[in-house]
Amino acid sequence: MEISRRHVVFGVGAWVVIYGAFILLAGPTEFINEASKLSQGRLAWILLVNALGTVCMGLVLFTVSVGAGLMSRQSRASS
C-alpha cells in the first residue's frame, strides 16, 4: 500500500491537533510552575530526551514525505 499525500496531510494535521490540545489542557503556566521545581540534572535529561524525540519525529516525517512523493529528487538535491 502506497502512502498518498492525503494520508500524510491527515497524519500531520492530526498530530498538530493532538499537540495543540495537549498544550491547551496542560496550560503554559502549569508547565512553567512545574519546570521551575525540577533539579538541573533532571531538566537536562528531560531536554535530552525531548531533543531525541524531535529528531526522530523529523526523520519519520521526512521518510513519510519522501515515500508519498512530497519531496522530489530535485528539492532534496538543492537542500
PDB file of N, CA and C in Angstrom:
ATOM      1  N   MET A   1       0.841  -1.179   0.000  1.00  0.00           N
ATOM      2  CA  MET A   1       0.000   0.000   0.000  1.00  0.00           C
ATOM      3  C   MET A   1       0.885   1.240   0.000  1.00  0.00           C
ATOM      4  N   GLU A   2       0.639   2.117  -0.935  1.00  0.00           N
ATOM      5  CA  GLU A   2       1.392   3.369  -1.004  1.00  0.00           C
ATOM      6  C   GLU A   2       0.756   4.415  -0.106  1.00  0.00           C
ATOM      7  N   ILE A   3       1.584   5.297   0.371  1.00  0.00           N
ATOM      8  CA  ILE A   3       1.096   6.400   1.190  1.00  0.00           C
ATOM      9  C   ILE A   3       0.745   7.550   0.256  1.00  0.00           C
ATOM     10  N   SER A   4      -0.485   8.016   0.342  1.00  0.00           N
ATOM     11  CA  SER A   4      -0.894   9.130  -0.509  1.00  0.00           C
ATOM     12  C   SER A   4      -0.635  10.453   0.205  1.00  0.00           C
ATOM     13  N   ARG A   5      -0.658  11.507  -0.549  1.00  0.00           N
ATOM     14  CA  ARG A   5      -0.471  12.841   0.041  1.00  0.00           C
ATOM     15  C   ARG A   5      -1.575  13.152   1.041  1.00  0.00           C
ATOM     16  N   ARG A   6      -2.767  12.688   0.735  1.00  0.00           N
ATOM     17  CA  ARG A   6      -3.894  12.930   1.634  1.00  0.00           C
ATOM     18  C   ARG A   6      -3.659  12.280   2.998  1.00  0.00           C
ATOM     19  N   HIS A   7      -3.106  11.065   2.998  1.00  0.00           N
ATOM     20  CA  HIS A   7      -2.797  10.392   4.260  1.00  0.00           C
ATOM     21  C   HIS A   7      -1.748  11.161   5.056  1.00  0.00           C
ATOM     22  N   VAL A   8      -0.749  11.674   4.354  1.00  0.00           N
ATOM     23  CA  VAL A   8       0.313  12.426   5.030  1.00  0.00           C
ATOM     24  C   VAL A   8      -0.257  13.697   5.644  1.00  0.00           C
ATOM     25  N   VAL A   9      -1.044  14.424   4.875  1.00  0.00           N
ATOM     26  CA  VAL A   9      -1.637  15.667   5.376  1.00  0.00           C
ATOM     27  C   VAL A   9      -2.542  15.369   6.572  1.00  0.00           C
ATOM     28  N   PHE A  10      -3.321  14.305   6.486  1.00  0.00           N
ATOM     29  CA  PHE A  10      -4.193  13.931   7.602  1.00  0.00           C
ATOM     30  C   PHE A  10      -3.375  13.568   8.835  1.00  0.00           C
ATOM     31  N   GLY A  11      -2.322  12.782   8.658  1.00  0.00           N
ATOM     32  CA  GLY A  11      -1.483  12.368   9.782  1.00  0.00           C
ATOM     33  C   GLY A  11      -0.809  13.537  10.467  1.00  0.00           C
ATOM     34  N   VAL A  12      -0.226  14.428   9.676  1.00  0.00           N
ATOM     35  CA  VAL A  12       0.452  15.597  10.243  1.00  0.00           C
ATOM     36  C   VAL A  12      -0.570  16.524  10.897  1.00  0.00           C
ATOM     37  N   GLY A  13      -1.715  16.705  10.246  1.00  0.00           N
ATOM     38  CA  GLY A  13      -2.764  17.543  10.820  1.00  0.00           C
ATOM     39  C   GLY A  13      -3.275  16.999  12.142  1.00  0.00           C
ATOM     40  N   ALA A  14      -3.471  15.677  12.208  1.00  0.00           N
ATOM     41  CA  ALA A  14      -3.922  15.051  13.455  1.00  0.00           C
ATOM     42  C   ALA A  14      -2.885  15.235  14.552  1.00  0.00           C
ATOM     43  N   TRP A  15      -1.605  15.105  14.194  1.00  0.00           N
ATOM     44  CA  TRP A  15      -0.542  15.282  15.182  1.00  0.00           C
ATOM     45  C   TRP A  15      -0.560  16.716  15.729  1.00  0.00           C
ATOM     46  N   VAL A  16      -0.751  17.696  14.854  1.00  0.00           N
ATOM     47  CA  VAL A  16      -0.781  19.100  15.280  1.00  0.00           C
ATOM     48  C   VAL A  16      -1.984  19.354  16.192  1.00  0.00           C
ATOM     49  N   VAL A  17      -3.131  18.796  15.849  1.00  0.00           N
ATOM     50  CA  VAL A  17      -4.332  18.981  16.673  1.00  0.00           C
ATOM     51  C   VAL A  17      -4.139  18.359  18.055  1.00  0.00           C
ATOM     52  N   ILE A  18      -3.582  17.150  18.098  1.00  0.00           N
ATOM     53  CA  ILE A  18      -3.354  16.481  19.386  1.00  0.00           C
ATOM     54  C   ILE A  18      -2.350  17.265  20.222  1.00  0.00           C
ATOM     55  N   TYR A  19      -1.283  17.740  19.600  1.00  0.00           N
ATOM     56  CA  TYR A  19      -0.276  18.519  20.316  1.00  0.00           C
ATOM     57  C   TYR A  19      -0.887  19.815  20.847  1.00  0.00           C
ATOM     58  N   GLY A  20      -1.688  20.483  20.016  1.00  0.00           N
ATOM     59  CA  GLY A  20      -2.349  21.716  20.443  1.00  0.00           C
ATOM     60  C   GLY A  20      -3.308  21.480  21.598  1.00  0.00           C
ATOM     61  N   ALA A  21      -4.048  20.370  21.542  1.00  0.00           N
ATOM     62  CA  ALA A  21      -4.963  20.038  22.634  1.00  0.00           C
ATOM     63  C   ALA A  21      -4.191  19.779  23.921  1.00  0.00           C
ATOM     64  N   PHE A  22      -3.056  19.114  23.812  1.00  0.00           N
ATOM     65  CA  PHE A  22      -2.234  18.857  24.994  1.00  0.00           C
ATOM     66  C   PHE A  22      -1.769  20.170  25.621  1.00  0.00           C
ATOM     67  N   ILE A  23      -1.322  21.103  24.793  1.00  0.00           N
ATOM     68  CA  ILE A  23      -0.868  22.407  25.296  1.00  0.00           C
ATOM     69  C   ILE A  23      -2.023  23.125  25.999  1.00  0.00           C
ATOM     70  N   LEU A  24      -3.200  23.101  25.381  1.00  0.00           N
ATOM     71  CA  LEU A  24      -4.352  23.778  25.985  1.00  0.00           C
ATOM     72  C   LEU A  24      -4.766  23.125  27.302  1.00  0.00           C
ATOM     73  N   LEU A  25      -4.729  21.789  27.347  1.00  0.00           N
ATOM     74  CA  LEU A  25      -5.122  21.090  28.572  1.00  0.00           C
ATOM     75  C   LEU A  25      -4.096  21.273  29.686  1.00  0.00           C
ATOM     76  N   ALA A  26      -2.816  21.201  29.334  1.00  0.00           N
ATOM     77  CA  ALA A  26      -1.768  21.335  30.348  1.00  0.00           C
ATOM     78  C   ALA A  26      -1.649  22.773  30.822  1.00  0.00           C
ATOM     79  N   GLY A  27      -1.802  23.694  29.902  1.00  0.00           N
ATOM     80  CA  GLY A  27      -1.683  25.105  30.241  1.00  0.00           C
ATOM     81  C   GLY A  27      -0.242  25.535  30.394  1.00  0.00           C
ATOM     82  N   PRO A  28       0.129  26.633  29.764  1.00  0.00           N
ATOM     83  CA  PRO A  28       1.523  27.079  29.830  1.00  0.00           C
ATOM     84  C   PRO A  28       1.967  27.460  31.237  1.00  0.00           C
ATOM     85  N   THR A  29       1.085  28.023  32.053  1.00  0.00           N
ATOM     86  CA  THR A  29       1.501  28.413  33.406  1.00  0.00           C
ATOM     87  C   THR A  29       1.772  27.192  34.272  1.00  0.00           C
ATOM     88  N   GLU A  30       1.003  26.134  34.081  1.00  0.00           N
ATOM     89  CA  GLU A  30       1.241  24.890  34.825  1.00  0.00           C
ATOM     90  C   GLU A  30       2.622  24.338  34.488  1.00  0.00           C
ATOM     91  N   PHE A  31       2.967  24.370  33.214  1.00  0.00           N
ATOM     92  CA  PHE A  31       4.279  23.870  32.796  1.00  0.00           C
ATOM     93  C   PHE A  31       5.393  24.691  33.431  1.00  0.00           C
ATOM     94  N   ILE A  32       5.257  26.003  33.425  1.00  0.00           N
ATOM     95  CA  ILE A  32       6.299  26.876  33.990  1.00  0.00           C
ATOM     96  C   ILE A  32       6.441  26.634  35.491  1.00  0.00           C
ATOM     97  N   ASN A  33       5.320  26.492  36.197  1.00  0.00           N
ATOM     98  CA  ASN A  33       5.376  26.236  37.642  1.00  0.00           C
ATOM     99  C   ASN A  33       6.068  24.919  37.958  1.00  0.00           C
ATOM    100  N   GLU A  34       5.765  23.877  37.192  1.00  0.00           N
ATOM    101  CA  GLU A  34       6.371  22.565  37.436  1.00  0.00           C
ATOM    102  C   GLU A  34       7.834  22.541  37.002  1.00  0.00           C
ATOM    103  N   ALA A  35       8.154  23.194  35.899  1.00  0.00           N
ATOM    104  CA  ALA A  35       9.537  23.184  35.398  1.00  0.00           C
ATOM    105  C   ALA A  35      10.478  23.902  36.355  1.00  0.00           C
ATOM    106  N   SER A  36       9.986  24.914  37.041  1.00  0.00           N
ATOM    107  CA  SER A  36      10.851  25.655  37.963  1.00  0.00           C
ATOM    108  C   SER A  36      11.213  24.831  39.201  1.00  0.00           C
ATOM    109  N   LYS A  37      10.480  23.754  39.465  1.00  0.00           N
ATOM    110  CA  LYS A  37      10.752  22.897  40.619  1.00  0.00           C
ATOM    111  C   LYS A  37      11.740  21.774  40.305  1.00  0.00           C
ATOM    112  N   LEU A  38      12.099  21.586  39.036  1.00  0.00           N
ATOM    113  CA  LEU A  38      12.981  20.484  38.643  1.00  0.00           C
ATOM    114  C   LEU A  38      14.432  20.790  38.980  1.00  0.00           C
ATOM    115  N   SER A  39      15.174  19.734  39.312  1.00  0.00           N
ATOM    116  CA  SER A  39      16.615  19.907  39.519  1.00  0.00           C
ATOM    117  C   SER A  39      17.293  20.063  38.157  1.00  0.00           C
ATOM    118  N   GLN A  40      18.517  20.587  38.161  1.00  0.00           N
ATOM    119  CA  GLN A  40      19.231  20.799  36.898  1.00  0.00           C
ATOM    120  C   GLN A  40      19.507  19.484  36.185  1.00  0.00           C
ATOM    121  N   GLY A  41      19.877  18.455  36.941  1.00  0.00           N
ATOM    122  CA  GLY A  41      20.159  17.157  36.330  1.00  0.00           C
ATOM    123  C   GLY A  41      18.941  16.549  35.659  1.00  0.00           C
ATOM    124  N   ARG A  42      17.814  16.615  36.351  1.00  0.00           N
ATOM    125  CA  ARG A  42      16.579  16.057  35.782  1.00  0.00           C
ATOM    126  C   ARG A  42      16.133  16.858  34.567  1.00  0.00           C
ATOM    127  N   LEU A  43      16.242  18.175  34.623  1.00  0.00           N
ATOM    128  CA  LEU A  43      15.876  19.014  33.487  1.00  0.00           C
ATOM    129  C   LEU A  43      16.759  18.709  32.283  1.00  0.00           C
ATOM    130  N   ALA A  44      18.049  18.475  32.519  1.00  0.00           N
ATOM    131  CA  ALA A  44      18.960  18.133  31.422  1.00  0.00           C
ATOM    132  C   ALA A  44      18.531  16.834  30.744  1.00  0.00           C
ATOM    133  N   TRP A  45      18.159  15.820  31.535  1.00  0.00           N
ATOM    134  CA  TRP A  45      17.700  14.558  30.950  1.00  0.00           C
ATOM    135  C   TRP A  45      16.410  14.750  30.165  1.00  0.00           C
ATOM    136  N   ILE A  46      15.493  15.531  30.697  1.00  0.00           N
ATOM    137  CA  ILE A  46      14.226  15.784  30.010  1.00  0.00           C
ATOM    138  C   ILE A  46      14.486  16.474  28.673  1.00  0.00           C
ATOM    139  N   LEU A  47      15.365  17.474  28.671  1.00  0.00           N
ATOM    140  CA  LEU A  47      15.672  18.184  27.429  1.00  0.00           C
ATOM    141  C   LEU A  47      16.365  17.276  26.420  1.00  0.00           C
ATOM    142  N   LEU A  48      17.251  16.393  26.896  1.00  0.00           N
ATOM    143  CA  LEU A  48      17.934  15.456  26.001  1.00  0.00           C
ATOM    144  C   LEU A  48      16.938  14.495  25.354  1.00  0.00           C
ATOM    145  N   VAL A  49      16.054  13.927  26.156  1.00  0.00           N
ATOM    146  CA  VAL A  49      15.052  13.001  25.615  1.00  0.00           C
ATOM    147  C   VAL A  49      14.111  13.730  24.663  1.00  0.00           C
ATOM    148  N   ASN A  50      13.751  14.958  24.990  1.00  0.00           N
ATOM    149  CA  ASN A  50      12.902  15.758  24.116  1.00  0.00           C
ATOM    150  C   ASN A  50      13.593  16.018  22.783  1.00  0.00           C
ATOM    151  N   ALA A  51      14.878  16.345  22.817  1.00  0.00           N
ATOM    152  CA  ALA A  51      15.627  16.588  21.581  1.00  0.00           C
ATOM    153  C   ALA A  51      15.698  15.324  20.733  1.00  0.00           C
ATOM    154  N   LEU A  52      15.946  14.179  21.357  1.00  0.00           N
ATOM    155  CA  LEU A  52      15.986  12.919  20.609  1.00  0.00           C
ATOM    156  C   LEU A  52      14.626  12.605  19.984  1.00  0.00           C
ATOM    157  N   GLY A  53      13.556  12.855  20.730  1.00  0.00           N
ATOM    158  CA  GLY A  53      12.213  12.647  20.190  1.00  0.00           C
ATOM    159  C   GLY A  53      11.920  13.557  19.015  1.00  0.00           C
ATOM    160  N   THR A  54      12.383  14.797  19.091  1.00  0.00           N
ATOM    161  CA  THR A  54      12.184  15.745  17.998  1.00  0.00           C
ATOM    162  C   THR A  54      12.930  15.302  16.749  1.00  0.00           C
ATOM    163  N   VAL A  55      14.167  14.841  16.917  1.00  0.00           N
ATOM    164  CA  VAL A  55      14.947  14.352  15.772  1.00  0.00           C
ATOM    165  C   VAL A  55      14.268  13.128  15.161  1.00  0.00           C
ATOM    166  N   CYS A  56      13.799  12.213  15.998  1.00  0.00           N
ATOM    167  CA  CYS A  56      13.118  11.017  15.487  1.00  0.00           C
ATOM    168  C   CYS A  56      11.844  11.390  14.736  1.00  0.00           C
ATOM    169  N   MET A  57      11.070  12.320  15.273  1.00  0.00           N
ATOM    170  CA  MET A  57       9.847  12.761  14.598  1.00  0.00           C
ATOM    171  C   MET A  57      10.178  13.385  13.250  1.00  0.00           C
ATOM    172  N   GLY A  58      11.227  14.189  13.195  1.00  0.00           N
ATOM    173  CA  GLY A  58      11.647  14.784  11.931  1.00  0.00           C
ATOM    174  C   GLY A  58      12.047  13.741  10.909  1.00  0.00           C
ATOM    175  N   LEU A  59      12.784  12.723  11.346  1.00  0.00           N
ATOM    176  CA  LEU A  59      13.185  11.650  10.431  1.00  0.00           C
ATOM    177  C   LEU A  59      11.974  10.876   9.915  1.00  0.00           C
ATOM    178  N   VAL A  60      11.013  10.625  10.794  1.00  0.00           N
ATOM    179  CA  VAL A  60       9.801   9.920  10.372  1.00  0.00           C
ATOM    180  C   VAL A  60       9.023  10.760   9.369  1.00  0.00           C
ATOM    181  N   LEU A  61       8.835  12.043   9.659  1.00  0.00           N
ATOM    182  CA  LEU A  61       8.102  12.909   8.732  1.00  0.00           C
ATOM    183  C   LEU A  61       8.827  13.032   7.400  1.00  0.00           C
ATOM    184  N   PHE A  62      10.154  13.093   7.414  1.00  0.00           N
ATOM    185  CA  PHE A  62      10.927  13.151   6.177  1.00  0.00           C
ATOM    186  C   PHE A  62      10.733  11.865   5.374  1.00  0.00           C
ATOM    187  N   THR A  63      10.830  10.712   6.049  1.00  0.00           N
ATOM    188  CA  THR A  63      10.673   9.428   5.367  1.00  0.00           C
ATOM    189  C   THR A  63       9.282   9.292   4.767  1.00  0.00           C
ATOM    190  N   VAL A  64       8.262   9.695   5.513  1.00  0.00           N
ATOM    191  CA  VAL A  64       6.891   9.618   5.013  1.00  0.00           C
ATOM    192  C   VAL A  64       6.700  10.559   3.833  1.00  0.00           C
ATOM    193  N   SER A  65       7.240  11.769   3.912  1.00  0.00           N
ATOM    194  CA  SER A  65       7.070  12.726   2.813  1.00  0.00           C
ATOM    195  C   SER A  65       7.778  12.257   1.552  1.00  0.00           C
ATOM    196  N   VAL A  66       8.941  11.627   1.687  1.00  0.00           N
ATOM    197  CA  VAL A  66       9.634  11.084   0.515  1.00  0.00           C
ATOM    198  C   VAL A  66       8.828   9.922  -0.055  1.00  0.00           C
ATOM    199  N   GLY A  67       8.318   9.041   0.814  1.00  0.00           N
ATOM    200  CA  GLY A  67       7.523   7.901   0.364  1.00  0.00           C
ATOM    201  C   GLY A  67       6.236   8.314  -0.324  1.00  0.00           C
ATOM    202  N   ALA A  68       5.668   9.441   0.076  1.00  0.00           N
ATOM    203  CA  ALA A  68       4.426   9.922  -0.525  1.00  0.00           C
ATOM    204  C   ALA A  68       4.675  10.774  -1.756  1.00  0.00           C
ATOM    205  N   GLY A  69       5.935  11.014  -2.073  1.00  0.00           N
ATOM    206  CA  GLY A  69       6.248  11.819  -3.248  1.00  0.00           C
ATOM    207  C   GLY A  69       6.127  13.309  -3.024  1.00  0.00           C
ATOM    208  N   LEU A  70       6.133  13.739  -1.771  1.00  0.00           N
ATOM    209  CA  LEU A  70       6.034  15.169  -1.492  1.00  0.00           C
ATOM    210  C   LEU A  70       7.364  15.881  -1.711  1.00  0.00           C
ATOM    211  N   MET A  71       8.452  15.121  -1.671  1.00  0.00           N
ATOM    212  CA  MET A  71       9.777  15.697  -1.927  1.00  0.00           C
ATOM    213  C   MET A  71      10.361  15.013  -3.149  1.00  0.00           C
ATOM    214  N   SER A  72      10.626  15.786  -4.181  1.00  0.00           N
ATOM    215  CA  SER A  72      11.239  15.218  -5.375  1.00  0.00           C
ATOM    216  C   SER A  72      12.745  15.148  -5.190  1.00  0.00           C
ATOM    217  N   ARG A  73      13.410  14.456  -6.090  1.00  0.00           N
ATOM    218  CA  ARG A  73      14.867  14.357  -6.023  1.00  0.00           C
ATOM    219  C   ARG A  73      15.508  15.735  -6.190  1.00  0.00           C
ATOM    220  N   GLN A  74      14.906  16.594  -7.005  1.00  0.00           N
ATOM    221  CA  GLN A  74      15.472  17.931  -7.212  1.00  0.00           C
ATOM    222  C   GLN A  74      15.436  18.750  -5.930  1.00  0.00           C
ATOM    223  N   SER A  75      14.325  18.707  -5.208  1.00  0.00           N
ATOM    224  CA  SER A  75      14.237  19.512  -3.987  1.00  0.00           C
ATOM    225  C   SER A  75      15.175  18.976  -2.918  1.00  0.00           C
ATOM    226  N   ARG A  76      15.417  17.655  -2.881  1.00  0.00           N
ATOM    227  CA  ARG A  76      16.367  17.102  -1.921  1.00  0.00           C
ATOM    228  C   ARG A  76      17.788  17.471  -2.303  1.00  0.00           C
ATOM    229  N   ALA A  77      18.100  17.526  -3.598  1.00  0.00           N
ATOM    230  CA  ALA A  77      19.454  17.858  -4.040  1.00  0.00           C
ATOM    231  C   ALA A  77      19.777  19.320  -3.763  1.00  0.00           C
ATOM    232  N   SER A  78      18.775  20.192  -3.853  1.00  0.00           N
ATOM    233  CA  SER A  78      19.028  21.617  -3.636  1.00  0.00           C
ATOM    234  C   SER A  78      19.067  21.977  -2.161  1.00  0.00           C
ATOM    235  N   SER A  79      18.592  21.091  -1.285  1.00  0.00           N
ATOM    236  CA  SER A  79      18.577  21.376   0.162  1.00  0.00           C
ATOM    237  C   SER A  79      19.946  21.306   0.755  1.00  0.00           C
TER     238      SER A  79
END
